[in-house]
Amino acid sequence: MASPPSSSGEMGQPAQSLVGKVILVTGAAKRIGRGIALRLAAEGARVAIHYQRSEDDARRTAKDCGGAELFRANLESVAEITRLFGDVEHRLGRLDGLVNNAARFTRFDPLEITEKDWDFIHSVNLKAVFFCCQNGARLMQKAGGGRIVNIGSLGGIRPWAEHAHYCSSKAGVIMLTRALAKALAPAITVNSVAPGVIPFEDIDERGKQLIEVTPAGRGGTPGEIAEAVVYFLKASEFVTGQILAVDGGLSQR
């Protein structure tokens, strides 16, 4: 009689627990970042809340996460990114997970985009993501491994005519995710969640139009993005280099 498969063999590895794991979320003061931070705190993680300007919102999120640690840094500066991760190590002792959520979004006719407009988006959406991954991975190596989740966008999968600079930055996040997944394997996994339309109070008419053609018939929620992030943070090292679109089917249209 055949013996049942072991938990570490044919059946794979059990999902990791996030209890006690130190996880840094960039841009965690509000919106999707806040939703991710709250979910991680509910999972028992020690959440590190990064923010730049939204201090009041960041303090509220930290309080709602059970008294999470706050870290302020301007992600346009590599020096400040380096200091941020040094502070995390000094105050929390280690780093087990990183969620690169901080991002910027603007809309321009591509023939009117200036160098300043381009750099405004790419300095945070792509350059900062790389240097956060770099610094985060160095700390994770000290801890024996870790998990990185980059928040991408439907705009990195589908072209939007008036967001050429933004779409380019998020497409870059997707390729960066795949390249780092190979470079940092097997101890550190790197995956990406690509949200569709997640409406907030300032949603514009174009966002409303996208919701109207979303197969799910509605916009998404921060909680649904957080669910996907948690999946990648808990998954085994066999899940890496993946891009998960959480968009109600919009990317399939």
Protein backbone atom coordinates (compact mmCIF):
# COMPACT_ATOMS: atom_id res chain seq x y z
CA MET A 1 0.00 0.00 0.00
CA ALA A 2 1.43 3.38 -1.02
CA SER A 3 2.27 5.78 1.76
CA PRO A 4 0.64 9.25 1.70
CA PRO A 5 2.75 12.10 0.33
CA SER A 6 4.68 14.07 2.93
CA SER A 7 3.99 17.73 3.65
CA SER A 8 7.39 18.66 2.25
CA GLY A 9 7.21 16.38 -0.79
CA GLU A 10 4.39 15.91 -3.31
CA MET A 11 2.00 18.02 -1.25
CA GLY A 12 4.44 20.92 -1.09
CA GLN A 13 5.34 23.09 1.86
CA PRO A 14 2.75 24.50 4.24
CA ALA A 15 2.08 28.23 4.10
CA GLN A 16 4.31 30.27 6.34
CA SER A 17 2.92 32.10 9.33
CA LEU A 18 3.44 35.85 9.47
CA VAL A 19 3.26 35.97 13.25
CA GLY A 20 6.25 37.92 14.54
CA LYS A 21 7.63 38.58 11.07
CA VAL A 22 9.04 42.06 10.52
CA ILE A 23 7.50 43.47 7.34
CA LEU A 24 8.10 46.95 5.97
CA VAL A 25 5.34 48.53 3.87
CA THR A 26 6.30 51.65 1.94
CA GLY A 27 3.65 54.31 1.46
CA ALA A 28 1.59 52.71 4.21
CA ALA A 29 -0.13 55.80 5.61
CA LYS A 30 -3.31 55.55 3.55
CA ARG A 31 -5.15 53.95 0.64
CA ILE A 32 -3.85 50.57 -0.52
CA GLY A 33 -0.76 50.77 1.70
CA ARG A 34 -2.92 51.25 4.78
CA GLY A 35 -5.08 48.29 3.78
CA ILE A 36 -1.99 46.10 3.41
CA ALA A 37 -0.57 47.23 6.74
CA LEU A 38 -3.83 46.55 8.58
CA ARG A 39 -4.08 43.07 7.09
CA LEU A 40 -0.49 42.22 7.98
CA ALA A 41 -1.05 43.39 11.55
CA ALA A 42 -4.14 41.18 11.71
CA GLU A 43 -1.92 38.28 10.59
CA GLY A 44 0.34 38.93 13.58
CA ALA A 45 3.21 40.58 11.72
CA ARG A 46 5.36 43.34 13.21
CA VAL A 47 4.55 46.01 10.63
CA ALA A 48 6.92 48.86 9.87
CA ILE A 49 4.97 51.84 8.51
CA HIS A 50 6.83 54.01 6.01
CA TYR A 51 5.57 57.45 5.01
CA GLN A 52 6.94 60.74 3.73
CA ARG A 53 4.44 63.57 4.13
CA SER A 54 1.21 62.04 5.46
CA GLU A 55 2.26 61.97 9.11
CA ASP A 56 -1.22 62.20 10.64
CA ASP A 57 -2.49 59.37 8.44
CA ALA A 58 0.63 57.34 9.19
CA ARG A 59 0.14 57.74 12.93
CA ARG A 60 -3.48 56.66 12.61
CA THR A 61 -2.50 53.60 10.62
CA ALA A 62 0.25 52.72 13.08
CA LYS A 63 -2.21 53.00 15.96
CA ASP A 64 -4.75 50.83 14.12
CA CYS A 65 -1.99 48.26 13.57
CA GLY A 66 -1.56 47.94 17.32
CA GLY A 67 1.20 50.47 17.75
CA ALA A 68 3.37 49.79 14.71
CA GLU A 69 6.74 51.51 14.31
CA LEU A 70 6.84 54.60 12.06
CA PHE A 71 9.62 55.36 9.59
CA ARG A 72 9.85 58.57 7.58
CA ALA A 73 11.90 58.81 4.39
CA ASN A 74 11.91 60.50 1.00
CA LEU A 75 12.21 57.61 -1.43
CA GLU A 76 13.50 59.91 -4.17
CA SER A 77 16.83 59.81 -2.32
CA VAL A 78 18.91 56.64 -2.32
CA ALA A 79 20.70 57.94 0.76
CA GLU A 80 17.38 58.19 2.60
CA ILE A 81 16.39 54.70 1.44
CA THR A 82 19.65 53.38 2.88
CA ARG A 83 18.97 55.21 6.14
CA LEU A 84 15.40 53.87 6.22
CA PHE A 85 16.54 50.25 6.13
CA GLY A 86 19.27 50.95 8.63
CA ASP A 87 16.65 52.36 10.98
CA VAL A 88 14.44 49.30 10.49
CA GLU A 89 17.32 47.01 11.40
CA HIS A 90 18.31 49.13 14.38
CA ARG A 91 14.80 49.42 15.82
CA LEU A 92 13.28 46.08 14.84
CA GLY A 93 16.37 43.89 14.63
CA ARG A 94 15.70 42.23 11.29
CA LEU A 95 13.62 42.28 8.11
CA ASP A 96 11.57 39.32 6.90
CA GLY A 97 9.32 40.95 4.32
CA LEU A 98 9.10 44.06 2.16
CA VAL A 99 6.06 45.43 0.34
CA ASN A 100 7.01 48.13 -2.14
CA ASN A 101 3.73 50.02 -2.34
CA ALA A 102 4.73 53.70 -2.52
CA ALA A 103 4.03 55.17 -5.95
CA ARG A 104 3.03 58.29 -7.86
CA PHE A 105 0.46 58.78 -10.59
CA THR A 106 0.02 61.66 -13.04
CA ARG A 107 -1.68 62.11 -16.40
CA PHE A 108 -0.23 63.94 -19.41
CA ASP A 109 -0.38 63.96 -23.18
CA PRO A 110 2.88 62.12 -23.99
CA LEU A 111 3.96 64.96 -26.29
CA GLU A 112 3.86 67.31 -23.32
CA ILE A 113 5.78 65.20 -20.77
CA THR A 114 8.90 66.97 -19.55
CA GLU A 115 12.04 65.52 -18.04
CA LYS A 116 10.78 66.73 -14.65
CA ASP A 117 7.46 64.92 -15.19
CA TRP A 118 9.27 61.72 -16.17
CA ASP A 119 11.66 61.83 -13.22
CA PHE A 120 8.83 62.64 -10.78
CA ILE A 121 7.22 59.30 -11.62
CA HIS A 122 10.25 57.09 -12.20
CA SER A 123 12.25 58.26 -9.18
CA VAL A 124 9.69 56.65 -6.86
CA ASN A 125 7.82 54.13 -9.02
CA LEU A 126 10.89 52.34 -10.35
CA LYS A 127 14.24 53.62 -9.05
CA ALA A 128 13.12 53.58 -5.43
CA VAL A 129 11.61 50.12 -5.83
CA PHE A 130 14.97 48.78 -6.98
CA PHE A 131 16.97 50.37 -4.18
CA CYS A 132 14.40 49.30 -1.59
CA CYS A 133 14.68 45.75 -2.93
CA GLN A 134 18.47 45.97 -2.81
CA ASN A 135 18.59 47.23 0.78
CA GLY A 136 15.80 44.92 1.87
CA ALA A 137 17.47 41.87 0.35
CA ARG A 138 20.70 42.62 2.21
CA LEU A 139 18.84 42.57 5.52
CA MET A 140 16.88 39.45 4.55
CA GLN A 141 20.10 37.61 3.75
CA LYS A 142 21.22 38.24 7.32
CA ALA A 143 17.94 36.70 8.52
CA GLY A 144 18.30 33.66 6.27
CA GLY A 145 15.74 34.67 3.66
CA GLY A 146 12.62 36.68 3.09
CA ARG A 147 9.79 37.78 0.84
CA ILE A 148 9.49 40.85 -1.40
CA VAL A 149 6.20 41.93 -2.96
CA ASN A 150 6.19 44.80 -5.43
CA ILE A 151 2.90 46.57 -6.06
CA GLY A 152 2.61 47.02 -9.80
CA SER A 153 -0.43 48.16 -11.75
CA LEU A 154 -2.75 47.21 -14.55
CA GLY A 155 -0.97 50.11 -16.26
CA GLY A 156 2.17 48.01 -16.39
CA ILE A 157 0.29 45.33 -18.33
CA ARG A 158 -2.00 47.39 -20.55
CA PRO A 159 -1.02 50.63 -22.33
CA TRP A 160 -2.79 53.85 -21.37
CA ALA A 161 -2.27 56.63 -23.92
CA GLU A 162 -2.13 59.52 -21.43
CA HIS A 163 0.01 57.67 -18.91
CA ALA A 164 3.02 56.63 -21.01
CA HIS A 165 5.48 57.61 -18.27
CA TYR A 166 3.48 55.86 -15.54
CA CYS A 167 2.90 52.71 -17.63
CA SER A 168 6.62 52.55 -18.41
CA SER A 169 7.49 52.75 -14.72
CA LYS A 170 5.08 49.97 -13.78
CA ALA A 171 6.15 47.78 -16.69
CA GLY A 172 9.65 48.28 -15.34
CA VAL A 173 8.49 47.03 -11.93
CA ILE A 174 7.25 43.85 -13.57
CA MET A 175 10.57 43.15 -15.30
CA LEU A 176 12.50 44.14 -12.19
CA THR A 177 10.42 41.64 -10.22
CA ARG A 178 11.28 38.86 -12.65
CA ALA A 179 14.98 39.72 -12.81
CA LEU A 180 15.37 39.95 -9.03
CA ALA A 181 13.44 36.73 -8.55
CA LYS A 182 16.23 34.98 -10.46
CA ALA A 183 19.02 36.95 -8.80
CA LEU A 184 17.84 36.44 -5.21
CA ALA A 185 16.57 32.86 -5.39
CA PRO A 186 16.10 30.61 -3.56
CA ALA A 187 16.19 32.24 -0.13
CA ILE A 188 14.38 35.43 -1.15
CA THR A 189 11.28 35.42 -3.33
CA VAL A 190 10.18 38.42 -5.39
CA ASN A 191 6.63 38.69 -6.72
CA SER A 192 4.28 41.44 -7.84
CA VAL A 193 0.61 42.28 -7.37
CA ALA A 194 -0.91 44.39 -10.16
CA PRO A 195 -4.10 46.11 -8.97
CA GLY A 196 -6.86 47.17 -11.32
CA VAL A 197 -9.09 50.11 -10.44
CA ILE A 198 -9.27 50.59 -6.68
CA PRO A 199 -11.62 53.56 -6.26
CA PHE A 200 -11.15 56.21 -3.60
CA GLU A 201 -12.98 59.49 -3.04
CA ASP A 202 -10.95 61.30 -5.73
CA ILE A 203 -11.59 58.83 -8.57
CA ASP A 204 -11.88 60.62 -11.92
CA GLU A 205 -14.21 59.98 -14.85
CA ARG A 206 -11.69 57.77 -16.61
CA GLY A 207 -11.47 55.55 -13.54
CA LYS A 208 -15.26 55.32 -13.43
CA GLN A 209 -15.31 54.34 -17.09
CA LEU A 210 -12.78 51.57 -16.44
CA ILE A 211 -14.95 50.23 -13.64
CA GLU A 212 -17.92 50.14 -16.03
CA VAL A 213 -16.05 47.79 -18.37
CA THR A 214 -14.51 45.64 -15.61
CA PRO A 215 -15.95 42.10 -15.97
CA ALA A 216 -16.45 41.85 -12.20
CA GLY A 217 -18.79 44.83 -12.45
CA ARG A 218 -17.09 46.90 -9.75
CA GLY A 219 -13.85 48.36 -8.55
CA GLY A 220 -11.58 46.52 -6.15
CA THR A 221 -10.80 47.17 -2.51
CA PRO A 222 -7.55 47.60 -0.58
CA GLY A 223 -8.44 44.43 1.30
CA GLU A 224 -8.47 42.43 -1.93
CA ILE A 225 -5.00 43.71 -2.83
CA ALA A 226 -3.83 42.91 0.69
CA GLU A 227 -5.13 39.36 0.31
CA ALA A 228 -2.89 38.83 -2.71
CA VAL A 229 0.09 40.38 -0.92
CA VAL A 230 -0.41 38.03 2.04
CA TYR A 231 -0.49 35.05 -0.32
CA PHE A 232 2.96 35.91 -1.69
CA LEU A 233 4.37 36.65 1.77
CA LYS A 234 3.21 33.25 3.03
CA ALA A 235 4.05 31.19 -0.06
CA SER A 236 7.05 28.88 -0.32
CA GLU A 237 10.21 29.78 -2.21
CA PHE A 238 8.79 27.81 -5.16
CA VAL A 239 6.50 30.77 -5.90
CA THR A 240 8.68 33.55 -7.26
CA GLY A 241 8.86 35.87 -10.25
CA GLN A 242 5.08 35.90 -10.57
CA ILE A 243 2.75 38.76 -11.50
CA LEU A 244 -0.78 38.51 -10.11
CA ALA A 245 -3.33 40.91 -11.60
CA VAL A 246 -6.08 41.65 -9.09
CA ASP A 247 -8.30 43.61 -11.42
CA GLY A 248 -11.73 42.00 -11.71
CA GLY A 249 -10.76 40.59 -15.09
CA LEU A 250 -10.06 43.97 -16.69
CA SER A 251 -6.67 42.90 -18.05
CA GLN A 252 -8.43 40.19 -20.06
CA ARG A 253 -10.57 42.63 -22.04
